[in-house]
Amino acid sequence: YSLGIIRGLNCIGNYYFQRDIYDKAIDYYTQAMKLSEQRKD
């Protein structure tokens, strides 16, 4: 379920962002962005 994957990745990225673990946040956000681009969403 690609939309669920994107949402999950962004949500986990938000968790790391709130915990000031920026490198992991960027990693999850980037994964979500790549999937979003593949879906053309």
Full PDB file with SEQRES, HELIX, SHEET, SSBOND, CRYST1, ORIGX, SCALE, CONECT and MASTER records, all heavy atoms in Angstrom:
SEQRES   1 A   41  TYR SER LEU GLY ILE ILE ARG GLY LEU ASN CYS ILE GLY          
SEQRES   2 A   41  ASN TYR TYR PHE GLN ARG ASP ILE TYR ASP LYS ALA ILE          
SEQRES   3 A   41  ASP TYR TYR THR GLN ALA MET LYS LEU SER GLU GLN ARG          
SEQRES   4 A   41  LYS ASP                                                      
HELIX    1 AA1 SER A    2  GLN A   18  1                                  17    
HELIX    2 AA2 TYR A   22  ARG A   39  1                                  18    
CRYST1    1.000    1.000    1.000  90.00  90.00  90.00 P 1           1          
ORIGX1      1.000000  0.000000  0.000000        0.00000                         
ORIGX2      0.000000  1.000000  0.000000        0.00000                         
ORIGX3      0.000000  0.000000  1.000000        0.00000                         
SCALE1      1.000000  0.000000  0.000000        0.00000                         
SCALE2      0.000000  1.000000  0.000000        0.00000                         
SCALE3      0.000000  0.000000  1.000000        0.00000                         
ATOM      1  N   TYR A   1       0.862  -1.180   0.000  1.00  0.00           N  
ATOM      2  CA  TYR A   1       0.000   0.000   0.000  1.00  0.00           C  
ATOM      3  C   TYR A   1       0.899   1.231   0.000  1.00  0.00           C  
ATOM      4  O   TYR A   1       1.342   1.688   1.045  1.00  0.00           O  
ATOM      5  CB  TYR A   1      -0.915  -0.052   1.224  1.00  0.00           C  
ATOM      6  CG  TYR A   1      -1.823   1.135   1.420  1.00  0.00           C  
ATOM      7  CD1 TYR A   1      -2.591   1.645   0.370  1.00  0.00           C  
ATOM      8  CD2 TYR A   1      -1.930   1.735   2.661  1.00  0.00           C  
ATOM      9  CE1 TYR A   1      -3.423   2.717   0.567  1.00  0.00           C  
ATOM     10  CE2 TYR A   1      -2.770   2.811   2.870  1.00  0.00           C  
ATOM     11  CZ  TYR A   1      -3.515   3.297   1.815  1.00  0.00           C  
ATOM     12  OH  TYR A   1      -4.344   4.371   2.010  1.00  0.00           O  
ATOM     13  N   SER A   2       1.185   1.743  -1.196  1.00  0.00           N  
ATOM     14  CA  SER A   2       2.196   2.794  -1.329  1.00  0.00           C  
ATOM     15  C   SER A   2       1.840   4.076  -0.586  1.00  0.00           C  
ATOM     16  O   SER A   2       2.719   4.711   0.001  1.00  0.00           O  
ATOM     17  CB  SER A   2       2.479   3.083  -2.799  1.00  0.00           C  
ATOM     18  OG  SER A   2       1.321   3.503  -3.468  1.00  0.00           O  
ATOM     19  N   LEU A   3       0.578   4.465  -0.588  1.00  0.00           N  
ATOM     20  CA  LEU A   3       0.188   5.673   0.138  1.00  0.00           C  
ATOM     21  C   LEU A   3       0.423   5.493   1.644  1.00  0.00           C  
ATOM     22  O   LEU A   3       0.907   6.403   2.323  1.00  0.00           O  
ATOM     23  CB  LEU A   3      -1.276   6.026  -0.132  1.00  0.00           C  
ATOM     24  CG  LEU A   3      -1.792   7.308   0.513  1.00  0.00           C  
ATOM     25  CD1 LEU A   3      -0.962   8.513   0.083  1.00  0.00           C  
ATOM     26  CD2 LEU A   3      -3.257   7.508   0.158  1.00  0.00           C  
ATOM     27  N   GLY A   4       0.128   4.321   2.155  1.00  0.00           N  
ATOM     28  CA  GLY A   4       0.378   4.030   3.565  1.00  0.00           C  
ATOM     29  C   GLY A   4       1.862   4.036   3.890  1.00  0.00           C  
ATOM     30  O   GLY A   4       2.279   4.479   4.968  1.00  0.00           O  
ATOM     31  N   ILE A   5       2.675   3.557   2.951  1.00  0.00           N  
ATOM     32  CA  ILE A   5       4.127   3.575   3.145  1.00  0.00           C  
ATOM     33  C   ILE A   5       4.622   5.010   3.226  1.00  0.00           C  
ATOM     34  O   ILE A   5       5.404   5.367   4.116  1.00  0.00           O  
ATOM     35  CB  ILE A   5       4.844   2.803   2.012  1.00  0.00           C  
ATOM     36  CG1 ILE A   5       4.474   1.321   2.059  1.00  0.00           C  
ATOM     37  CG2 ILE A   5       6.358   2.987   2.104  1.00  0.00           C  
ATOM     38  CD1 ILE A   5       4.921   0.516   0.845  1.00  0.00           C  
ATOM     39  N   ILE A   6       4.158   5.849   2.310  1.00  0.00           N  
ATOM     40  CA  ILE A   6       4.558   7.264   2.306  1.00  0.00           C  
ATOM     41  C   ILE A   6       4.154   7.934   3.612  1.00  0.00           C  
ATOM     42  O   ILE A   6       4.955   8.644   4.236  1.00  0.00           O  
ATOM     43  CB  ILE A   6       3.936   7.989   1.095  1.00  0.00           C  
ATOM     44  CG1 ILE A   6       4.542   7.466  -0.204  1.00  0.00           C  
ATOM     45  CG2 ILE A   6       4.117   9.505   1.216  1.00  0.00           C  
ATOM     46  CD1 ILE A   6       3.790   7.878  -1.448  1.00  0.00           C  
ATOM     47  N   ARG A   7       2.935   7.715   4.034  1.00  0.00           N  
ATOM     48  CA  ARG A   7       2.459   8.322   5.286  1.00  0.00           C  
ATOM     49  C   ARG A   7       3.259   7.823   6.479  1.00  0.00           C  
ATOM     50  O   ARG A   7       3.611   8.596   7.371  1.00  0.00           O  
ATOM     51  CB  ARG A   7       0.981   8.025   5.479  1.00  0.00           C  
ATOM     52  CG  ARG A   7       0.098   8.775   4.529  1.00  0.00           C  
ATOM     53  CD  ARG A   7      -1.351   8.402   4.717  1.00  0.00           C  
ATOM     54  NE  ARG A   7      -2.209   9.203   3.866  1.00  0.00           N  
ATOM     55  CZ  ARG A   7      -3.469   8.895   3.611  1.00  0.00           C  
ATOM     56  NH1 ARG A   7      -4.013   7.822   4.148  1.00  0.00           N  
ATOM     57  NH2 ARG A   7      -4.192   9.672   2.822  1.00  0.00           N  
ATOM     58  N   GLY A   8       3.545   6.526   6.502  1.00  0.00           N  
ATOM     59  CA  GLY A   8       4.333   5.963   7.595  1.00  0.00           C  
ATOM     60  C   GLY A   8       5.734   6.545   7.646  1.00  0.00           C  
ATOM     61  O   GLY A   8       6.244   6.880   8.711  1.00  0.00           O  
ATOM     62  N   LEU A   9       6.364   6.663   6.479  1.00  0.00           N  
ATOM     63  CA  LEU A   9       7.714   7.220   6.421  1.00  0.00           C  
ATOM     64  C   LEU A   9       7.736   8.662   6.914  1.00  0.00           C  
ATOM     65  O   LEU A   9       8.620   9.060   7.685  1.00  0.00           O  
ATOM     66  CB  LEU A   9       8.260   7.139   4.990  1.00  0.00           C  
ATOM     67  CG  LEU A   9       8.584   5.742   4.475  1.00  0.00           C  
ATOM     68  CD1 LEU A   9       8.825   5.774   2.968  1.00  0.00           C  
ATOM     69  CD2 LEU A   9       9.776   5.149   5.209  1.00  0.00           C  
ATOM     70  N   ASN A  10       6.754   9.453   6.472  1.00  0.00           N  
ATOM     71  CA  ASN A  10       6.684  10.846   6.931  1.00  0.00           C  
ATOM     72  C   ASN A  10       6.429  10.925   8.435  1.00  0.00           C  
ATOM     73  O   ASN A  10       7.005  11.763   9.126  1.00  0.00           O  
ATOM     74  CB  ASN A  10       5.604  11.619   6.161  1.00  0.00           C  
ATOM     75  CG  ASN A  10       6.126  12.194   4.868  1.00  0.00           C  
ATOM     76  OD1 ASN A  10       7.217  12.744   4.802  1.00  0.00           O  
ATOM     77  ND2 ASN A  10       5.341  12.061   3.819  1.00  0.00           N  
ATOM     78  N   CYS A  11       5.592  10.047   8.930  1.00  0.00           N  
ATOM     79  CA  CYS A  11       5.287  10.034  10.360  1.00  0.00           C  
ATOM     80  C   CYS A  11       6.529   9.683  11.185  1.00  0.00           C  
ATOM     81  O   CYS A  11       6.817  10.323  12.199  1.00  0.00           O  
ATOM     82  CB  CYS A  11       4.153   9.052  10.639  1.00  0.00           C  
ATOM     83  SG  CYS A  11       3.532   9.112  12.322  1.00  0.00           S  
ATOM     84  N   ILE A  12       7.268   8.694  10.753  1.00  0.00           N  
ATOM     85  CA  ILE A  12       8.495   8.322  11.461  1.00  0.00           C  
ATOM     86  C   ILE A  12       9.515   9.453  11.347  1.00  0.00           C  
ATOM     87  O   ILE A  12      10.218   9.766  12.315  1.00  0.00           O  
ATOM     88  CB  ILE A  12       9.056   6.990  10.921  1.00  0.00           C  
ATOM     89  CG1 ILE A  12       8.076   5.854  11.242  1.00  0.00           C  
ATOM     90  CG2 ILE A  12      10.432   6.696  11.515  1.00  0.00           C  
ATOM     91  CD1 ILE A  12       8.377   4.549  10.536  1.00  0.00           C  
ATOM     92  N   GLY A  13       9.579  10.078  10.187  1.00  0.00           N  
ATOM     93  CA  GLY A  13      10.441  11.249  10.026  1.00  0.00           C  
ATOM     94  C   GLY A  13      10.077  12.348  11.004  1.00  0.00           C  
ATOM     95  O   GLY A  13      10.950  12.993  11.603  1.00  0.00           O  
ATOM     96  N   ASN A  14       8.781  12.559  11.202  1.00  0.00           N  
ATOM     97  CA  ASN A  14       8.325  13.566  12.171  1.00  0.00           C  
ATOM     98  C   ASN A  14       8.778  13.219  13.587  1.00  0.00           C  
ATOM     99  O   ASN A  14       9.161  14.106  14.360  1.00  0.00           O  
ATOM    100  CB  ASN A  14       6.799  13.691  12.148  1.00  0.00           C  
ATOM    101  CG  ASN A  14       6.296  14.339  10.887  1.00  0.00           C  
ATOM    102  OD1 ASN A  14       7.026  15.031  10.186  1.00  0.00           O  
ATOM    103  ND2 ASN A  14       5.030  14.103  10.568  1.00  0.00           N  
ATOM    104  N   TYR A  15       8.737  11.949  13.924  1.00  0.00           N  
ATOM    105  CA  TYR A  15       9.192  11.510  15.245  1.00  0.00           C  
ATOM    106  C   TYR A  15      10.659  11.894  15.452  1.00  0.00           C  
ATOM    107  O   TYR A  15      11.021  12.483  16.467  1.00  0.00           O  
ATOM    108  CB  TYR A  15       9.008   9.996  15.401  1.00  0.00           C  
ATOM    109  CG  TYR A  15       9.725   9.446  16.609  1.00  0.00           C  
ATOM    110  CD1 TYR A  15       9.163   9.560  17.879  1.00  0.00           C  
ATOM    111  CD2 TYR A  15      10.970   8.852  16.490  1.00  0.00           C  
ATOM    112  CE1 TYR A  15       9.833   9.075  18.991  1.00  0.00           C  
ATOM    113  CE2 TYR A  15      11.642   8.364  17.594  1.00  0.00           C  
ATOM    114  CZ  TYR A  15      11.067   8.488  18.847  1.00  0.00           C  
ATOM    115  OH  TYR A  15      11.737   8.022  19.953  1.00  0.00           O  
ATOM    116  N   TYR A  16      11.486  11.549  14.467  1.00  0.00           N  
ATOM    117  CA  TYR A  16      12.915  11.858  14.601  1.00  0.00           C  
ATOM    118  C   TYR A  16      13.157  13.368  14.594  1.00  0.00           C  
ATOM    119  O   TYR A  16      14.038  13.864  15.304  1.00  0.00           O  
ATOM    120  CB  TYR A  16      13.724  11.168  13.501  1.00  0.00           C  
ATOM    121  CG  TYR A  16      13.895   9.689  13.756  1.00  0.00           C  
ATOM    122  CD1 TYR A  16      13.361   8.736  12.905  1.00  0.00           C  
ATOM    123  CD2 TYR A  16      14.594   9.243  14.870  1.00  0.00           C  
ATOM    124  CE1 TYR A  16      13.521   7.381  13.153  1.00  0.00           C  
ATOM    125  CE2 TYR A  16      14.753   7.887  15.137  1.00  0.00           C  
ATOM    126  CZ  TYR A  16      14.212   6.972  14.274  1.00  0.00           C  
ATOM    127  OH  TYR A  16      14.361   5.625  14.530  1.00  0.00           O  
ATOM    128  N   PHE A  17      12.387  14.099  13.808  1.00  0.00           N  
ATOM    129  CA  PHE A  17      12.516  15.558  13.792  1.00  0.00           C  
ATOM    130  C   PHE A  17      12.226  16.149  15.174  1.00  0.00           C  
ATOM    131  O   PHE A  17      12.957  16.998  15.667  1.00  0.00           O  
ATOM    132  CB  PHE A  17      11.577  16.162  12.744  1.00  0.00           C  
ATOM    133  CG  PHE A  17      11.582  17.662  12.717  1.00  0.00           C  
ATOM    134  CD1 PHE A  17      12.684  18.353  12.245  1.00  0.00           C  
ATOM    135  CD2 PHE A  17      10.482  18.376  13.154  1.00  0.00           C  
ATOM    136  CE1 PHE A  17      12.687  19.734  12.215  1.00  0.00           C  
ATOM    137  CE2 PHE A  17      10.473  19.755  13.135  1.00  0.00           C  
ATOM    138  CZ  PHE A  17      11.581  20.447  12.660  1.00  0.00           C  
ATOM    139  N   GLN A  18      11.167  15.675  15.800  1.00  0.00           N  
ATOM    140  CA  GLN A  18      10.802  16.169  17.133  1.00  0.00           C  
ATOM    141  C   GLN A  18      11.826  15.793  18.193  1.00  0.00           C  
ATOM    142  O   GLN A  18      11.948  16.466  19.213  1.00  0.00           O  
ATOM    143  CB  GLN A  18       9.425  15.633  17.525  1.00  0.00           C  
ATOM    144  CG  GLN A  18       8.311  16.216  16.699  1.00  0.00           C  
ATOM    145  CD  GLN A  18       6.971  15.548  16.957  1.00  0.00           C  
ATOM    146  OE1 GLN A  18       6.875  14.569  17.689  1.00  0.00           O  
ATOM    147  NE2 GLN A  18       5.928  16.078  16.339  1.00  0.00           N  
ATOM    148  N   ARG A  19      12.580  14.739  17.934  1.00  0.00           N  
ATOM    149  CA  ARG A  19      13.610  14.292  18.882  1.00  0.00           C  
ATOM    150  C   ARG A  19      14.988  14.871  18.543  1.00  0.00           C  
ATOM    151  O   ARG A  19      15.987  14.494  19.122  1.00  0.00           O  
ATOM    152  CB  ARG A  19      13.708  12.760  18.878  1.00  0.00           C  
ATOM    153  CG  ARG A  19      12.463  12.042  19.309  1.00  0.00           C  
ATOM    154  CD  ARG A  19      12.249  12.176  20.812  1.00  0.00           C  
ATOM    155  NE  ARG A  19      11.068  11.489  21.255  1.00  0.00           N  
ATOM    156  CZ  ARG A  19       9.877  12.053  21.445  1.00  0.00           C  
ATOM    157  NH1 ARG A  19       9.721  13.329  21.196  1.00  0.00           N  
ATOM    158  NH2 ARG A  19       8.853  11.359  21.858  1.00  0.00           N  
ATOM    159  N   ASP A  20      15.034  15.785  17.564  1.00  0.00           N  
ATOM    160  CA  ASP A  20      16.279  16.437  17.125  1.00  0.00           C  
ATOM    161  C   ASP A  20      17.294  15.457  16.554  1.00  0.00           C  
ATOM    162  O   ASP A  20      18.502  15.658  16.675  1.00  0.00           O  
ATOM    163  CB  ASP A  20      16.917  17.248  18.259  1.00  0.00           C  
ATOM    164  CG  ASP A  20      16.017  18.368  18.758  1.00  0.00           C  
ATOM    165  OD1 ASP A  20      15.226  18.882  17.955  1.00  0.00           O  
ATOM    166  OD2 ASP A  20      16.112  18.723  19.948  1.00  0.00           O  
ATOM    167  N   ILE A  21      16.809  14.395  15.934  1.00  0.00           N  
ATOM    168  CA  ILE A  21      17.674  13.430  15.255  1.00  0.00           C  
ATOM    169  C   ILE A  21      17.474  13.682  13.759  1.00  0.00           C  
ATOM    170  O   ILE A  21      16.775  12.961  13.058  1.00  0.00           O  
ATOM    171  CB  ILE A  21      17.335  11.978  15.659  1.00  0.00           C  
ATOM    172  CG1 ILE A  21      17.351  11.833  17.180  1.00  0.00           C  
ATOM    173  CG2 ILE A  21      18.312  10.993  15.018  1.00  0.00           C  
ATOM    174  CD1 ILE A  21      16.825  10.511  17.692  1.00  0.00           C  
ATOM    175  N   TYR A  22      18.104  14.760  13.316  1.00  0.00           N  
ATOM    176  CA  TYR A  22      17.807  15.299  11.994  1.00  0.00           C  
ATOM    177  C   TYR A  22      18.260  14.416  10.838  1.00  0.00           C  
ATOM    178  O   TYR A  22      17.580  14.362   9.816  1.00  0.00           O  
ATOM    179  CB  TYR A  22      18.390  16.702  11.858  1.00  0.00           C  
ATOM    180  CG  TYR A  22      17.827  17.659  12.877  1.00  0.00           C  
ATOM    181  CD1 TYR A  22      18.661  18.365  13.722  1.00  0.00           C  
ATOM    182  CD2 TYR A  22      16.456  17.843  13.003  1.00  0.00           C  
ATOM    183  CE1 TYR A  22      18.135  19.247  14.665  1.00  0.00           C  
ATOM    184  CE2 TYR A  22      15.925  18.707  13.927  1.00  0.00           C  
ATOM    185  CZ  TYR A  22      16.767  19.408  14.768  1.00  0.00           C  
ATOM    186  OH  TYR A  22      16.240  20.256  15.693  1.00  0.00           O  
ATOM    187  N   ASP A  23      19.365  13.709  10.987  1.00  0.00           N  
ATOM    188  CA  ASP A  23      19.826  12.870   9.882  1.00  0.00           C  
ATOM    189  C   ASP A  23      18.837  11.746   9.587  1.00  0.00           C  
ATOM    190  O   ASP A  23      18.547  11.440   8.428  1.00  0.00           O  
ATOM    191  CB  ASP A  23      21.228  12.330  10.138  1.00  0.00           C  
ATOM    192  CG  ASP A  23      21.360  11.535  11.428  1.00  0.00           C  
ATOM    193  OD1 ASP A  23      20.626  11.819  12.393  1.00  0.00           O  
ATOM    194  OD2 ASP A  23      22.206  10.619  11.475  1.00  0.00           O  
ATOM    195  N   LYS A  24      18.265  11.160  10.630  1.00  0.00           N  
ATOM    196  CA  LYS A  24      17.266  10.096  10.419  1.00  0.00           C  
ATOM    197  C   LYS A  24      15.966  10.683   9.873  1.00  0.00           C  
ATOM    198  O   LYS A  24      15.308  10.061   9.038  1.00  0.00           O  
ATOM    199  CB  LYS A  24      17.006   9.334  11.716  1.00  0.00           C  
ATOM    200  CG  LYS A  24      18.110   8.373  12.059  1.00  0.00           C  
ATOM    201  CD  LYS A  24      17.631   7.355  13.060  1.00  0.00           C  
ATOM    202  CE  LYS A  24      18.686   6.285  13.199  1.00  0.00           C  
ATOM    203  NZ  LYS A  24      18.115   5.009  13.560  1.00  0.00           N  
ATOM    204  N   ALA A  25      15.593  11.861  10.348  1.00  0.00           N  
ATOM    205  CA  ALA A  25      14.382  12.514   9.845  1.00  0.00           C  
ATOM    206  C   ALA A  25      14.506  12.754   8.342  1.00  0.00           C  
ATOM    207  O   ALA A  25      13.587  12.427   7.577  1.00  0.00           O  
ATOM    208  CB  ALA A  25      14.141  13.826  10.584  1.00  0.00           C  
ATOM    209  N   ILE A  26      15.646  13.299   7.921  1.00  0.00           N  
ATOM    210  CA  ILE A  26      15.881  13.553   6.492  1.00  0.00           C  
ATOM    211  C   ILE A  26      15.809  12.252   5.700  1.00  0.00           C  
ATOM    212  O   ILE A  26      15.242  12.210   4.612  1.00  0.00           O  
ATOM    213  CB  ILE A  26      17.257  14.229   6.285  1.00  0.00           C  
ATOM    214  CG1 ILE A  26      17.256  15.657   6.828  1.00  0.00           C  
ATOM    215  CG2 ILE A  26      17.666  14.221   4.809  1.00  0.00           C  
ATOM    216  CD1 ILE A  26      16.610  16.680   5.948  1.00  0.00           C  
ATOM    217  N   ASP A  27      16.368  11.194   6.249  1.00  0.00           N  
ATOM    218  CA  ASP A  27      16.363   9.898   5.563  1.00  0.00           C  
ATOM    219  C   ASP A  27      14.924   9.427   5.302  1.00  0.00           C  
ATOM    220  O   ASP A  27      14.589   9.039   4.180  1.00  0.00           O  
ATOM    221  CB  ASP A  27      17.130   8.864   6.382  1.00  0.00           C  
ATOM    222  CG  ASP A  27      17.186   7.511   5.711  1.00  0.00           C  
ATOM    223  OD1 ASP A  27      17.501   7.459   4.499  1.00  0.00           O  
ATOM    224  OD2 ASP A  27      16.911   6.496   6.383  1.00  0.00           O  
ATOM    225  N   TYR A  28      14.083   9.476   6.315  1.00  0.00           N  
ATOM    226  CA  TYR A  28      12.695   9.017   6.153  1.00  0.00           C  
ATOM    227  C   TYR A  28      11.908   9.940   5.230  1.00  0.00           C  
ATOM    228  O   TYR A  28      11.135   9.482   4.382  1.00  0.00           O  
ATOM    229  CB  TYR A  28      12.006   8.883   7.510  1.00  0.00           C  
ATOM    230  CG  TYR A  28      12.379   7.605   8.204  1.00  0.00           C  
ATOM    231  CD1 TYR A  28      13.397   7.574   9.148  1.00  0.00           C  
ATOM    232  CD2 TYR A  28      11.733   6.408   7.914  1.00  0.00           C  
ATOM    233  CE1 TYR A  28      13.769   6.394   9.783  1.00  0.00           C  
ATOM    234  CE2 TYR A  28      12.087   5.222   8.534  1.00  0.00           C  
ATOM    235  CZ  TYR A  28      13.099   5.222   9.465  1.00  0.00           C  
ATOM    236  OH  TYR A  28      13.451   4.048  10.083  1.00  0.00           O  
ATOM    237  N   TYR A  29      12.115  11.256   5.366  1.00  0.00           N  
ATOM    238  CA  TYR A  29      11.427  12.199   4.479  1.00  0.00           C  
ATOM    239  C   TYR A  29      11.844  11.996   3.024  1.00  0.00           C  
ATOM    240  O   TYR A  29      11.006  12.065   2.118  1.00  0.00           O  
ATOM    241  CB  TYR A  29      11.729  13.645   4.887  1.00  0.00           C  
ATOM    242  CG  TYR A  29      11.153  14.079   6.208  1.00  0.00           C  
ATOM    243  CD1 TYR A  29      11.811  15.040   6.976  1.00  0.00           C  
ATOM    244  CD2 TYR A  29       9.966  13.570   6.712  1.00  0.00           C  
ATOM    245  CE1 TYR A  29      11.305  15.480   8.185  1.00  0.00           C  
ATOM    246  CE2 TYR A  29       9.448  13.992   7.924  1.00  0.00           C  
ATOM    247  CZ  TYR A  29      10.121  14.956   8.656  1.00  0.00           C  
ATOM    248  OH  TYR A  29       9.604  15.393   9.845  1.00  0.00           O  
ATOM    249  N   THR A  30      13.120  11.715   2.804  1.00  0.00           N  
ATOM    250  CA  THR A  30      13.614  11.513   1.441  1.00  0.00           C  
ATOM    251  C   THR A  30      13.030  10.237   0.838  1.00  0.00           C  
ATOM    252  O   THR A  30      12.644  10.215  -0.338  1.00  0.00           O  
ATOM    253  CB  THR A  30      15.158  11.457   1.436  1.00  0.00           C  
ATOM    254  OG1 THR A  30      15.661  12.685   1.986  1.00  0.00           O  
ATOM    255  CG2 THR A  30      15.702  11.273   0.034  1.00  0.00           C  
ATOM    256  N   GLN A  31      12.948   9.188   1.642  1.00  0.00           N  
ATOM    257  CA  GLN A  31      12.323   7.949   1.160  1.00  0.00           C  
ATOM    258  C   GLN A  31      10.869   8.207   0.759  1.00  0.00           C  
ATOM    259  O   GLN A  31      10.406   7.731  -0.289  1.00  0.00           O  
ATOM    260  CB  GLN A  31      12.364   6.878   2.240  1.00  0.00           C  
ATOM    261  CG  GLN A  31      13.728   6.303   2.509  1.00  0.00           C  
ATOM    262  CD  GLN A  31      13.657   5.255   3.601  1.00  0.00           C  
ATOM    263  OE1 GLN A  31      12.928   4.278   3.485  1.00  0.00           O  
ATOM    264  NE2 GLN A  31      14.411   5.466   4.678  1.00  0.00           N  
ATOM    265  N   ALA A  32      10.157   8.965   1.589  1.00  0.00           N  
ATOM    266  CA  ALA A  32       8.758   9.288   1.289  1.00  0.00           C  
ATOM    267  C   ALA A  32       8.659  10.110   0.013  1.00  0.00           C  
ATOM    268  O   ALA A  32       7.769   9.881  -0.820  1.00  0.00           O  
ATOM    269  CB  ALA A  32       8.134  10.042   2.463  1.00  0.00           C  
ATOM    270  N   MET A  33       9.581  11.058  -0.164  1.00  0.00           N  
ATOM    271  CA  MET A  33       9.548  11.901  -1.352  1.00  0.00           C  
ATOM    272  C   MET A  33       9.795  11.067  -2.614  1.00  0.00           C  
ATOM    273  O   MET A  33       9.103  11.245  -3.623  1.00  0.00           O  
ATOM    274  CB  MET A  33      10.584  13.011  -1.253  1.00  0.00           C  
ATOM    275  CG  MET A  33      10.533  13.987  -2.417  1.00  0.00           C  
ATOM    276  SD  MET A  33      11.721  15.320  -2.285  1.00  0.00           S  
ATOM    277  CE  MET A  33      13.259  14.412  -2.321  1.00  0.00           C  
ATOM    278  N   LYS A  34      10.737  10.147  -2.566  1.00  0.00           N  
ATOM    279  CA  LYS A  34      11.034   9.315  -3.740  1.00  0.00           C  
ATOM    280  C   LYS A  34       9.832   8.468  -4.135  1.00  0.00           C  
ATOM    281  O   LYS A  34       9.507   8.350  -5.321  1.00  0.00           O  
ATOM    282  CB  LYS A  34      12.254   8.438  -3.469  1.00  0.00           C  
ATOM    283  CG  LYS A  34      13.551   9.211  -3.473  1.00  0.00           C  
ATOM    284  CD  LYS A  34      14.726   8.325  -3.162  1.00  0.00           C  
ATOM    285  CE  LYS A  34      16.016   9.140  -3.105  1.00  0.00           C  
ATOM    286  NZ  LYS A  34      17.174   8.319  -2.734  1.00  0.00           N  
ATOM    287  N   LEU A  35       9.161   7.884  -3.144  1.00  0.00           N  
ATOM    288  CA  LEU A  35       7.956   7.098  -3.453  1.00  0.00           C  
ATOM    289  C   LEU A  35       6.846   7.984  -4.002  1.00  0.00           C  
ATOM    290  O   LEU A  35       6.110   7.587  -4.912  1.00  0.00           O  
ATOM    291  CB  LEU A  35       7.468   6.363  -2.204  1.00  0.00           C  
ATOM    292  CG  LEU A  35       8.288   5.159  -1.769  1.00  0.00           C  
ATOM    293  CD1 LEU A  35       7.764   4.614  -0.441  1.00  0.00           C  
ATOM    294  CD2 LEU A  35       8.220   4.071  -2.832  1.00  0.00           C  
ATOM    295  N   SER A  36       6.718   9.179  -3.452  1.00  0.00           N  
ATOM    296  CA  SER A  36       5.710  10.128  -3.930  1.00  0.00           C  
ATOM    297  C   SER A  36       5.975  10.510  -5.377  1.00  0.00           C  
ATOM    298  O   SER A  36       5.040  10.640  -6.183  1.00  0.00           O  
ATOM    299  CB  SER A  36       5.704  11.384  -3.059  1.00  0.00           C  
ATOM    300  OG  SER A  36       5.397  11.071  -1.728  1.00  0.00           O  
ATOM    301  N   GLU A  37       7.252  10.706  -5.717  1.00  0.00           N  
ATOM    302  CA  GLU A  37       7.606  11.034  -7.098  1.00  0.00           C  
ATOM    303  C   GLU A  37       7.296   9.872  -8.028  1.00  0.00           C  
ATOM    304  O   GLU A  37       6.832  10.085  -9.152  1.00  0.00           O  
ATOM    305  CB  GLU A  37       9.083  11.425  -7.175  1.00  0.00           C  
ATOM    306  CG  GLU A  37       9.369  12.762  -6.535  1.00  0.00           C  
ATOM    307  CD  GLU A  37      10.847  13.093  -6.421  1.00  0.00           C  
ATOM    308  OE1 GLU A  37      11.690  12.167  -6.522  1.00  0.00           O  
ATOM    309  OE2 GLU A  37      11.148  14.276  -6.213  1.00  0.00           O  
ATOM    310  N   GLN A  38       7.537   8.655  -7.577  1.00  0.00           N  
ATOM    311  CA  GLN A  38       7.216   7.482  -8.402  1.00  0.00           C  
ATOM    312  C   GLN A  38       5.718   7.400  -8.674  1.00  0.00           C  
ATOM    313  O   GLN A  38       5.299   7.005  -9.773  1.00  0.00           O  
ATOM    314  CB  GLN A  38       7.682   6.205  -7.718  1.00  0.00           C  
ATOM    315  CG  GLN A  38       9.174   6.026  -7.700  1.00  0.00           C  
ATOM    316  CD  GLN A  38       9.604   4.811  -6.885  1.00  0.00           C  
ATOM    317  OE1 GLN A  38       8.780   4.098  -6.310  1.00  0.00           O  
ATOM    318  NE2 GLN A  38      10.906   4.574  -6.829  1.00  0.00           N  
ATOM    319  N   ARG A  39       4.925   7.779  -7.673  1.00  0.00           N  
ATOM    320  CA  ARG A  39       3.459   7.756  -7.817  1.00  0.00           C  
ATOM    321  C   ARG A  39       2.929   8.976  -8.554  1.00  0.00           C  
ATOM    322  O   ARG A  39       1.752   9.048  -8.878  1.00  0.00           O  
ATOM    323  CB  ARG A  39       2.794   7.733  -6.439  1.00  0.00           C  
ATOM    324  CG  ARG A  39       2.859   6.436  -5.727  1.00  0.00           C  
ATOM    325  CD  ARG A  39       2.092   6.555  -4.451  1.00  0.00           C  
ATOM    326  NE  ARG A  39       0.799   7.197  -4.742  1.00  0.00           N  
ATOM    327  CZ  ARG A  39      -0.333   6.921  -4.146  1.00  0.00           C  
ATOM    328  NH1 ARG A  39      -0.367   6.050  -3.189  1.00  0.00           N  
ATOM    329  NH2 ARG A  39      -1.446   7.532  -4.461  1.00  0.00           N  
ATOM    330  N   LYS A  40       3.799   9.981  -8.750  1.00  0.00           N  
ATOM    331  CA  LYS A  40       3.391  11.263  -9.331  1.00  0.00           C  
ATOM    332  C   LYS A  40       2.287  11.914  -8.485  1.00  0.00           C  
ATOM    333  O   LYS A  40       1.325  12.477  -9.012  1.00  0.00           O  
ATOM    334  CB  LYS A  40       2.963  11.095 -10.778  1.00  0.00           C  
ATOM    335  CG  LYS A  40       4.075  10.602 -11.689  1.00  0.00           C  
ATOM    336  CD  LYS A  40       3.597  10.466 -13.105  1.00  0.00           C  
ATOM    337  CE  LYS A  40       4.598  10.015 -14.107  1.00  0.00           C  
ATOM    338  NZ  LYS A  40       5.803   9.399 -13.773  1.00  0.00           N  
ATOM    339  N   ASP A  41       2.457  11.829  -7.180  1.00  0.00           N  
ATOM    340  CA  ASP A  41       1.493  12.376  -6.218  1.00  0.00           C  
ATOM    341  C   ASP A  41       2.014  13.727  -5.731  1.00  0.00           C  
ATOM    342  O   ASP A  41       2.792  13.813  -4.786  1.00  0.00           O  
ATOM    343  CB  ASP A  41       1.344  11.406  -5.042  1.00  0.00           C  
ATOM    344  CG  ASP A  41       0.235  11.803  -4.091  1.00  0.00           C  
ATOM    345  OD1 ASP A  41      -0.101  13.004  -4.012  1.00  0.00           O  
ATOM    346  OD2 ASP A  41      -0.296  10.904  -3.410  1.00  0.00           O  
TER     347      ASP A  41                                                      
MASTER        0    0    0    2    0    0    0    6  346    1    0    4          
END                                                                             
